[in-house]
Amino acid sequence: GTAAGPHPYPELVRDFQSVIGTEARAQILEQEG
């Protein structure tokens, strides 16, 4: 469940969760410029 454990878990969990930051980055650019 978390970005720990043996490789490749930290990488794959990070990549699946990066949707959070990818969306937030686009959304703040849209809302605040």
PDB file of all heavy atoms in Angstrom:
ATOM      1  N   GLY A   1       0.774  -1.234   0.000  1.00  0.00           N
ATOM      2  CA  GLY A   1       0.000   0.000   0.000  1.00  0.00           C
ATOM      3  C   GLY A   1       0.801   1.277   0.000  1.00  0.00           C
ATOM      4  O   GLY A   1       0.259   2.353  -0.256  1.00  0.00           O
ATOM      5  N   THR A   2       2.088   1.193   0.297  1.00  0.00           N
ATOM      6  CA  THR A   2       2.854   2.427   0.414  1.00  0.00           C
ATOM      7  C   THR A   2       4.080   2.384  -0.482  1.00  0.00           C
ATOM      8  O   THR A   2       4.400   1.338  -1.063  1.00  0.00           O
ATOM      9  CB  THR A   2       3.251   2.684   1.878  1.00  0.00           C
ATOM     10  OG1 THR A   2       3.714   4.026   1.995  1.00  0.00           O
ATOM     11  CG2 THR A   2       4.309   1.699   2.366  1.00  0.00           C
ATOM     12  N   ALA A   3       4.770   3.520  -0.591  1.00  0.00           N
ATOM     13  CA  ALA A   3       5.907   3.638  -1.517  1.00  0.00           C
ATOM     14  C   ALA A   3       7.187   3.127  -0.870  1.00  0.00           C
ATOM     15  O   ALA A   3       8.244   3.742  -0.952  1.00  0.00           O
ATOM     16  CB  ALA A   3       6.057   5.091  -1.962  1.00  0.00           C
ATOM     17  N   ALA A   4       7.071   1.987  -0.198  1.00  0.00           N
ATOM     18  CA  ALA A   4       8.212   1.336   0.453  1.00  0.00           C
ATOM     19  C   ALA A   4       8.248  -0.110  -0.005  1.00  0.00           C
ATOM     20  O   ALA A   4       7.565  -0.489  -0.950  1.00  0.00           O
ATOM     21  CB  ALA A   4       8.091   1.442   1.972  1.00  0.00           C
ATOM     22  N   GLY A   5       9.073  -0.927   0.676  1.00  0.00           N
ATOM     23  CA  GLY A   5       9.208  -2.314   0.284  1.00  0.00           C
ATOM     24  C   GLY A   5      10.311  -2.484  -0.750  1.00  0.00           C
ATOM     25  O   GLY A   5      10.983  -1.526  -1.138  1.00  0.00           O
ATOM     26  N   PRO A   6      10.514  -3.733  -1.203  1.00  0.00           N
ATOM     27  CA  PRO A   6      11.577  -4.000  -2.175  1.00  0.00           C
ATOM     28  C   PRO A   6      11.240  -3.455  -3.562  1.00  0.00           C
ATOM     29  O   PRO A   6      10.068  -3.392  -3.943  1.00  0.00           O
ATOM     30  CB  PRO A   6      11.650  -5.536  -2.187  1.00  0.00           C
ATOM     31  CG  PRO A   6      10.274  -5.983  -1.791  1.00  0.00           C
ATOM     32  CD  PRO A   6       9.781  -4.959  -0.820  1.00  0.00           C
ATOM     33  N   HIS A   7      12.266  -3.071  -4.315  1.00  0.00           N
ATOM     34  CA  HIS A   7      12.084  -2.650  -5.703  1.00  0.00           C
ATOM     35  C   HIS A   7      11.422  -3.782  -6.490  1.00  0.00           C
ATOM     36  O   HIS A   7      11.787  -4.937  -6.300  1.00  0.00           O
ATOM     37  CB  HIS A   7      13.461  -2.334  -6.310  1.00  0.00           C
ATOM     38  CG  HIS A   7      13.421  -1.927  -7.742  1.00  0.00           C
ATOM     39  ND1 HIS A   7      12.827  -0.761  -8.163  1.00  0.00           N
ATOM     40  CD2 HIS A   7      13.896  -2.532  -8.866  1.00  0.00           C
ATOM     41  CE1 HIS A   7      12.954  -0.651  -9.479  1.00  0.00           C
ATOM     42  NE2 HIS A   7      13.602  -1.726  -9.923  1.00  0.00           N
ATOM     43  N   PRO A   8      10.388  -3.540  -7.327  1.00  0.00           N
ATOM     44  CA  PRO A   8       9.995  -2.231  -7.876  1.00  0.00           C
ATOM     45  C   PRO A   8       8.839  -1.537  -7.164  1.00  0.00           C
ATOM     46  O   PRO A   8       8.280  -0.581  -7.701  1.00  0.00           O
ATOM     47  CB  PRO A   8       9.568  -2.623  -9.293  1.00  0.00           C
ATOM     48  CG  PRO A   8       8.896  -3.958  -9.095  1.00  0.00           C
ATOM     49  CD  PRO A   8       9.722  -4.657  -8.037  1.00  0.00           C
ATOM     50  N   TYR A   9       8.433  -2.010  -5.965  1.00  0.00           N
ATOM     51  CA  TYR A   9       7.261  -1.408  -5.319  1.00  0.00           C
ATOM     52  C   TYR A   9       7.354   0.107  -5.118  1.00  0.00           C
ATOM     53  O   TYR A   9       6.405   0.831  -5.452  1.00  0.00           O
ATOM     54  CB  TYR A   9       6.964  -2.106  -3.991  1.00  0.00           C
ATOM     55  CG  TYR A   9       6.243  -3.424  -4.153  1.00  0.00           C
ATOM     56  CD1 TYR A   9       6.900  -4.625  -3.938  1.00  0.00           C
ATOM     57  CD2 TYR A   9       4.902  -3.470  -4.517  1.00  0.00           C
ATOM     58  CE1 TYR A   9       6.243  -5.847  -4.077  1.00  0.00           C
ATOM     59  CE2 TYR A   9       4.228  -4.680  -4.658  1.00  0.00           C
ATOM     60  CZ  TYR A   9       4.903  -5.864  -4.441  1.00  0.00           C
ATOM     61  OH  TYR A   9       4.239  -7.053  -4.586  1.00  0.00           O
ATOM     62  N   PRO A  10       8.459   0.659  -4.579  1.00  0.00           N
ATOM     63  CA  PRO A  10       8.487   2.116  -4.386  1.00  0.00           C
ATOM     64  C   PRO A  10       8.273   2.898  -5.694  1.00  0.00           C
ATOM     65  O   PRO A  10       7.611   3.941  -5.700  1.00  0.00           O
ATOM     66  CB  PRO A  10       9.887   2.369  -3.810  1.00  0.00           C
ATOM     67  CG  PRO A  10      10.225   1.088  -3.115  1.00  0.00           C
ATOM     68  CD  PRO A  10       9.652   0.016  -3.995  1.00  0.00           C
ATOM     69  N   GLU A  11       8.813   2.357  -6.785  1.00  0.00           N
ATOM     70  CA  GLU A  11       8.656   3.039  -8.070  1.00  0.00           C
ATOM     71  C   GLU A  11       7.236   2.905  -8.616  1.00  0.00           C
ATOM     72  O   GLU A  11       6.614   3.888  -9.035  1.00  0.00           O
ATOM     73  CB  GLU A  11       9.642   2.468  -9.095  1.00  0.00           C
ATOM     74  CG  GLU A  11       9.495   3.107 -10.476  1.00  0.00           C
ATOM     75  CD  GLU A  11      10.289   2.389 -11.557  1.00  0.00           C
ATOM     76  OE1 GLU A  11      11.005   1.419 -11.248  1.00  0.00           O
ATOM     77  OE2 GLU A  11      10.184   2.809 -12.722  1.00  0.00           O
ATOM     78  N   LEU A  12       6.694   1.708  -8.584  1.00  0.00           N
ATOM     79  CA  LEU A  12       5.378   1.528  -9.205  1.00  0.00           C
ATOM     80  C   LEU A  12       4.276   2.198  -8.380  1.00  0.00           C
ATOM     81  O   LEU A  12       3.343   2.792  -8.944  1.00  0.00           O
ATOM     82  CB  LEU A  12       5.088   0.057  -9.502  1.00  0.00           C
ATOM     83  CG  LEU A  12       4.866  -0.967  -8.387  1.00  0.00           C
ATOM     84  CD1 LEU A  12       3.426  -0.997  -7.924  1.00  0.00           C
ATOM     85  CD2 LEU A  12       5.273  -2.352  -8.888  1.00  0.00           C
ATOM     86  N   VAL A  13       4.389   2.154  -7.055  1.00  0.00           N
ATOM     87  CA  VAL A  13       3.403   2.847  -6.218  1.00  0.00           C
ATOM     88  C   VAL A  13       3.480   4.356  -6.470  1.00  0.00           C
ATOM     89  O   VAL A  13       2.467   5.027  -6.626  1.00  0.00           O
ATOM     90  CB  VAL A  13       3.610   2.526  -4.723  1.00  0.00           C
ATOM     91  CG1 VAL A  13       2.706   3.397  -3.847  1.00  0.00           C
ATOM     92  CG2 VAL A  13       3.329   1.045  -4.452  1.00  0.00           C
ATOM     93  N   ARG A  14       4.707   4.887  -6.533  1.00  0.00           N
ATOM     94  CA  ARG A  14       4.879   6.311  -6.850  1.00  0.00           C
ATOM     95  C   ARG A  14       4.231   6.667  -8.181  1.00  0.00           C
ATOM     96  O   ARG A  14       3.512   7.668  -8.293  1.00  0.00           O
ATOM     97  CB  ARG A  14       6.363   6.659  -6.911  1.00  0.00           C
ATOM     98  CG  ARG A  14       6.639   8.101  -7.322  1.00  0.00           C
ATOM     99  CD  ARG A  14       8.046   8.266  -7.853  1.00  0.00           C
ATOM    100  NE  ARG A  14       8.222   7.617  -9.153  1.00  0.00           N
ATOM    101  CZ  ARG A  14       9.410   7.382  -9.701  1.00  0.00           C
ATOM    102  NH1 ARG A  14      10.522   7.690  -9.056  1.00  0.00           N
ATOM    103  NH2 ARG A  14       9.487   6.809 -10.896  1.00  0.00           N
ATOM    104  N   ASP A  15       4.476   5.843  -9.194  1.00  0.00           N
ATOM    105  CA  ASP A  15       3.939   6.168 -10.519  1.00  0.00           C
ATOM    106  C   ASP A  15       2.418   6.093 -10.551  1.00  0.00           C
ATOM    107  O   ASP A  15       1.768   6.928 -11.189  1.00  0.00           O
ATOM    108  CB  ASP A  15       4.556   5.250 -11.571  1.00  0.00           C
ATOM    109  CG  ASP A  15       6.007   5.614 -11.884  1.00  0.00           C
ATOM    110  OD1 ASP A  15       6.514   6.595 -11.298  1.00  0.00           O
ATOM    111  OD2 ASP A  15       6.633   4.924 -12.705  1.00  0.00           O
ATOM    112  N   PHE A  16       1.835   5.113  -9.856  1.00  0.00           N
ATOM    113  CA  PHE A  16       0.375   5.053  -9.797  1.00  0.00           C
ATOM    114  C   PHE A  16      -0.205   6.237  -9.014  1.00  0.00           C
ATOM    115  O   PHE A  16      -1.279   6.733  -9.336  1.00  0.00           O
ATOM    116  CB  PHE A  16      -0.090   3.739  -9.165  1.00  0.00           C
ATOM    117  CG  PHE A  16       0.120   2.520 -10.028  1.00  0.00           C
ATOM    118  CD1 PHE A  16       0.551   1.320  -9.467  1.00  0.00           C
ATOM    119  CD2 PHE A  16      -0.107   2.562 -11.394  1.00  0.00           C
ATOM    120  CE1 PHE A  16       0.744   0.192 -10.256  1.00  0.00           C
ATOM    121  CE2 PHE A  16       0.095   1.437 -12.194  1.00  0.00           C
ATOM    122  CZ  PHE A  16       0.514   0.246 -11.620  1.00  0.00           C
ATOM    123  N   GLN A  17       0.509   6.697  -7.986  1.00  0.00           N
ATOM    124  CA  GLN A  17       0.016   7.821  -7.180  1.00  0.00           C
ATOM    125  C   GLN A  17       0.351   9.189  -7.781  1.00  0.00           C
ATOM    126  O   GLN A  17      -0.250  10.201  -7.396  1.00  0.00           O
ATOM    127  CB  GLN A  17       0.572   7.742  -5.754  1.00  0.00           C
ATOM    128  CG  GLN A  17       0.056   6.578  -4.927  1.00  0.00           C
ATOM    129  CD  GLN A  17      -1.428   6.672  -4.597  1.00  0.00           C
ATOM    130  OE1 GLN A  17      -2.138   7.592  -5.027  1.00  0.00           O
ATOM    131  NE2 GLN A  17      -1.912   5.718  -3.821  1.00  0.00           N
ATOM    132  N   SER A  18       1.260   9.240  -8.746  1.00  0.00           N
ATOM    133  CA  SER A  18       1.646  10.529  -9.334  1.00  0.00           C
ATOM    134  C   SER A  18       0.507  11.221 -10.063  1.00  0.00           C
ATOM    135  O   SER A  18       0.608  12.412 -10.392  1.00  0.00           O
ATOM    136  CB  SER A  18       2.835  10.347 -10.285  1.00  0.00           C
ATOM    137  OG  SER A  18       4.017  10.127  -9.562  1.00  0.00           O
ATOM    138  N   VAL A  19      -0.577  10.496 -10.288  1.00  0.00           N
ATOM    139  CA  VAL A  19      -1.766  11.133 -10.860  1.00  0.00           C
ATOM    140  C   VAL A  19      -2.220  12.302  -9.976  1.00  0.00           C
ATOM    141  O   VAL A  19      -2.764  13.298 -10.472  1.00  0.00           O
ATOM    142  CB  VAL A  19      -2.901  10.086 -11.046  1.00  0.00           C
ATOM    143  CG1 VAL A  19      -3.413   9.571  -9.708  1.00  0.00           C
ATOM    144  CG2 VAL A  19      -4.046  10.669 -11.858  1.00  0.00           C
ATOM    145  N   ILE A  20      -1.959  12.218  -8.672  1.00  0.00           N
ATOM    146  CA  ILE A  20      -2.345  13.290  -7.737  1.00  0.00           C
ATOM    147  C   ILE A  20      -1.646  14.589  -8.116  1.00  0.00           C
ATOM    148  O   ILE A  20      -2.277  15.640  -8.305  1.00  0.00           O
ATOM    149  CB  ILE A  20      -1.999  12.920  -6.279  1.00  0.00           C
ATOM    150  CG1 ILE A  20      -2.699  11.630  -5.855  1.00  0.00           C
ATOM    151  CG2 ILE A  20      -2.356  14.067  -5.339  1.00  0.00           C
ATOM    152  CD1 ILE A  20      -2.217  11.086  -4.508  1.00  0.00           C
ATOM    153  N   GLY A  21      -0.313  14.542  -8.204  1.00  0.00           N
ATOM    154  CA  GLY A  21       0.451  15.737  -8.504  1.00  0.00           C
ATOM    155  C   GLY A  21       0.277  16.210  -9.935  1.00  0.00           C
ATOM    156  O   GLY A  21       0.255  17.423 -10.201  1.00  0.00           O
ATOM    157  N   THR A  22       0.139  15.266 -10.866  1.00  0.00           N
ATOM    158  CA  THR A  22      -0.071  15.639 -12.270  1.00  0.00           C
ATOM    159  C   THR A  22      -1.359  16.440 -12.410  1.00  0.00           C
ATOM    160  O   THR A  22      -1.394  17.485 -13.083  1.00  0.00           O
ATOM    161  CB  THR A  22      -0.122  14.372 -13.152  1.00  0.00           C
ATOM    162  OG1 THR A  22       1.116  13.673 -13.022  1.00  0.00           O
ATOM    163  CG2 THR A  22      -0.359  14.723 -14.608  1.00  0.00           C
ATOM    164  N   GLU A  23      -2.428  15.954 -11.769  1.00  0.00           N
ATOM    165  CA  GLU A  23      -3.702  16.688 -11.796  1.00  0.00           C
ATOM    166  C   GLU A  23      -3.589  18.025 -11.081  1.00  0.00           C
ATOM    167  O   GLU A  23      -4.022  19.065 -11.596  1.00  0.00           O
ATOM    168  CB  GLU A  23      -4.804  15.857 -11.131  1.00  0.00           C
ATOM    169  CG  GLU A  23      -5.285  14.681 -11.946  1.00  0.00           C
ATOM    170  CD  GLU A  23      -6.338  13.866 -11.211  1.00  0.00           C
ATOM    171  OE1 GLU A  23      -6.750  14.261 -10.090  1.00  0.00           O
ATOM    172  OE2 GLU A  23      -6.751  12.834 -11.762  1.00  0.00           O
ATOM    173  N   ALA A  24      -3.003  18.023  -9.882  1.00  0.00           N
ATOM    174  CA  ALA A  24      -2.911  19.252  -9.080  1.00  0.00           C
ATOM    175  C   ALA A  24      -2.138  20.334  -9.825  1.00  0.00           C
ATOM    176  O   ALA A  24      -2.498  21.521  -9.791  1.00  0.00           O
ATOM    177  CB  ALA A  24      -2.252  18.959  -7.734  1.00  0.00           C
ATOM    178  N   ARG A  25      -1.089  19.923 -10.512  1.00  0.00           N
ATOM    179  CA  ARG A  25      -0.251  20.872 -11.259  1.00  0.00           C
ATOM    180  C   ARG A  25      -1.065  21.538 -12.378  1.00  0.00           C
ATOM    181  O   ARG A  25      -1.030  22.755 -12.551  1.00  0.00           O
ATOM    182  CB  ARG A  25       0.953  20.126 -11.838  1.00  0.00           C
ATOM    183  CG  ARG A  25       2.111  21.006 -12.229  1.00  0.00           C
ATOM    184  CD  ARG A  25       3.305  20.143 -12.655  1.00  0.00           C
ATOM    185  NE  ARG A  25       4.458  20.976 -12.938  1.00  0.00           N
ATOM    186  CZ  ARG A  25       4.596  21.687 -14.052  1.00  0.00           C
ATOM    187  NH1 ARG A  25       3.660  21.649 -14.978  1.00  0.00           N
ATOM    188  NH2 ARG A  25       5.673  22.437 -14.233  1.00  0.00           N
ATOM    189  N   ALA A  26      -1.807  20.726 -13.129  1.00  0.00           N
ATOM    190  CA  ALA A  26      -2.633  21.261 -14.211  1.00  0.00           C
ATOM    191  C   ALA A  26      -3.778  22.105 -13.659  1.00  0.00           C
ATOM    192  O   ALA A  26      -4.115  23.170 -14.218  1.00  0.00           O
ATOM    193  CB  ALA A  26      -3.173  20.115 -15.058  1.00  0.00           C
ATOM    194  N   GLN A  27      -4.365  21.658 -12.551  1.00  0.00           N
ATOM    195  CA  GLN A  27      -5.521  22.360 -11.983  1.00  0.00           C
ATOM    196  C   GLN A  27      -5.152  23.730 -11.426  1.00  0.00           C
ATOM    197  O   GLN A  27      -5.887  24.701 -11.605  1.00  0.00           O
ATOM    198  CB  GLN A  27      -6.163  21.488 -10.895  1.00  0.00           C
ATOM    199  CG  GLN A  27      -6.898  20.275 -11.457  1.00  0.00           C
ATOM    200  CD  GLN A  27      -7.238  19.238 -10.390  1.00  0.00           C
ATOM    201  OE1 GLN A  27      -6.503  19.062  -9.406  1.00  0.00           O
ATOM    202  NE2 GLN A  27      -8.333  18.527 -10.568  1.00  0.00           N
ATOM    203  N   ILE A  28      -3.991  23.827 -10.748  1.00  0.00           N
ATOM    204  CA  ILE A  28      -3.614  25.126 -10.188  1.00  0.00           C
ATOM    205  C   ILE A  28      -3.213  26.093 -11.293  1.00  0.00           C
ATOM    206  O   ILE A  28      -3.463  27.300 -11.203  1.00  0.00           O
ATOM    207  CB  ILE A  28      -2.499  24.979  -9.116  1.00  0.00           C
ATOM    208  CG1 ILE A  28      -2.457  26.227  -8.216  1.00  0.00           C
ATOM    209  CG2 ILE A  28      -1.142  24.724  -9.731  1.00  0.00           C
ATOM    210  CD1 ILE A  28      -3.668  26.408  -7.332  1.00  0.00           C
ATOM    211  N   LEU A  29      -2.618  25.580 -12.364  1.00  0.00           N
ATOM    212  CA  LEU A  29      -2.301  26.438 -13.507  1.00  0.00           C
ATOM    213  C   LEU A  29      -3.582  26.970 -14.140  1.00  0.00           C
ATOM    214  O   LEU A  29      -3.649  28.136 -14.549  1.00  0.00           O
ATOM    215  CB  LEU A  29      -1.480  25.665 -14.541  1.00  0.00           C
ATOM    216  CG  LEU A  29      -0.013  25.418 -14.177  1.00  0.00           C
ATOM    217  CD1 LEU A  29       0.636  24.449 -15.172  1.00  0.00           C
ATOM    218  CD2 LEU A  29       0.771  26.730 -14.126  1.00  0.00           C
ATOM    219  N   GLU A  30      -4.609  26.129 -14.176  1.00  0.00           N
ATOM    220  CA  GLU A  30      -5.887  26.560 -14.738  1.00  0.00           C
ATOM    221  C   GLU A  30      -6.589  27.569 -13.830  1.00  0.00           C
ATOM    222  O   GLU A  30      -7.139  28.578 -14.299  1.00  0.00           O
ATOM    223  CB  GLU A  30      -6.790  25.342 -14.965  1.00  0.00           C
ATOM    224  CG  GLU A  30      -8.134  25.686 -15.578  1.00  0.00           C
ATOM    225  CD  GLU A  30      -9.036  24.482 -15.760  1.00  0.00           C
ATOM    226  OE1 GLU A  30      -8.548  23.340 -15.604  1.00  0.00           O
ATOM    227  OE2 GLU A  30     -10.233  24.681 -16.040  1.00  0.00           O
ATOM    228  N   GLN A  31      -6.543  27.314 -12.514  1.00  0.00           N
ATOM    229  CA  GLN A  31      -7.306  28.157 -11.586  1.00  0.00           C
ATOM    230  C   GLN A  31      -6.581  29.439 -11.199  1.00  0.00           C
ATOM    231  O   GLN A  31      -7.210  30.478 -10.976  1.00  0.00           O
ATOM    232  CB  GLN A  31      -7.644  27.358 -10.316  1.00  0.00           C
ATOM    233  CG  GLN A  31      -8.626  26.222 -10.579  1.00  0.00           C
ATOM    234  CD  GLN A  31      -8.990  25.448  -9.315  1.00  0.00           C
ATOM    235  OE1 GLN A  31      -9.223  26.027  -8.262  1.00  0.00           O
ATOM    236  NE2 GLN A  31      -9.038  24.127  -9.416  1.00  0.00           N
ATOM    237  N   GLU A  32      -5.246  29.394 -11.103  1.00  0.00           N
ATOM    238  CA  GLU A  32      -4.487  30.555 -10.642  1.00  0.00           C
ATOM    239  C   GLU A  32      -3.512  31.098 -11.689  1.00  0.00           C
ATOM    240  O   GLU A  32      -2.934  32.163 -11.502  1.00  0.00           O
ATOM    241  CB  GLU A  32      -3.707  30.198  -9.368  1.00  0.00           C
ATOM    242  CG  GLU A  32      -4.579  29.994  -8.136  1.00  0.00           C
ATOM    243  CD  GLU A  32      -5.036  31.319  -7.513  1.00  0.00           C
ATOM    244  OE1 GLU A  32      -4.580  32.388  -7.976  1.00  0.00           O
ATOM    245  OE2 GLU A  32      -5.845  31.273  -6.574  1.00  0.00           O
ATOM    246  N   GLY A  33      -3.307  30.325 -12.746  1.00  0.00           N
ATOM    247  CA  GLY A  33      -2.407  30.771 -13.802  1.00  0.00           C
ATOM    248  C   GLY A  33      -0.934  30.643 -13.474  1.00  0.00           C
ATOM    249  O   GLY A  33      -0.075  31.161 -14.190  1.00  0.00           O
TER     250      GLY A  33
END
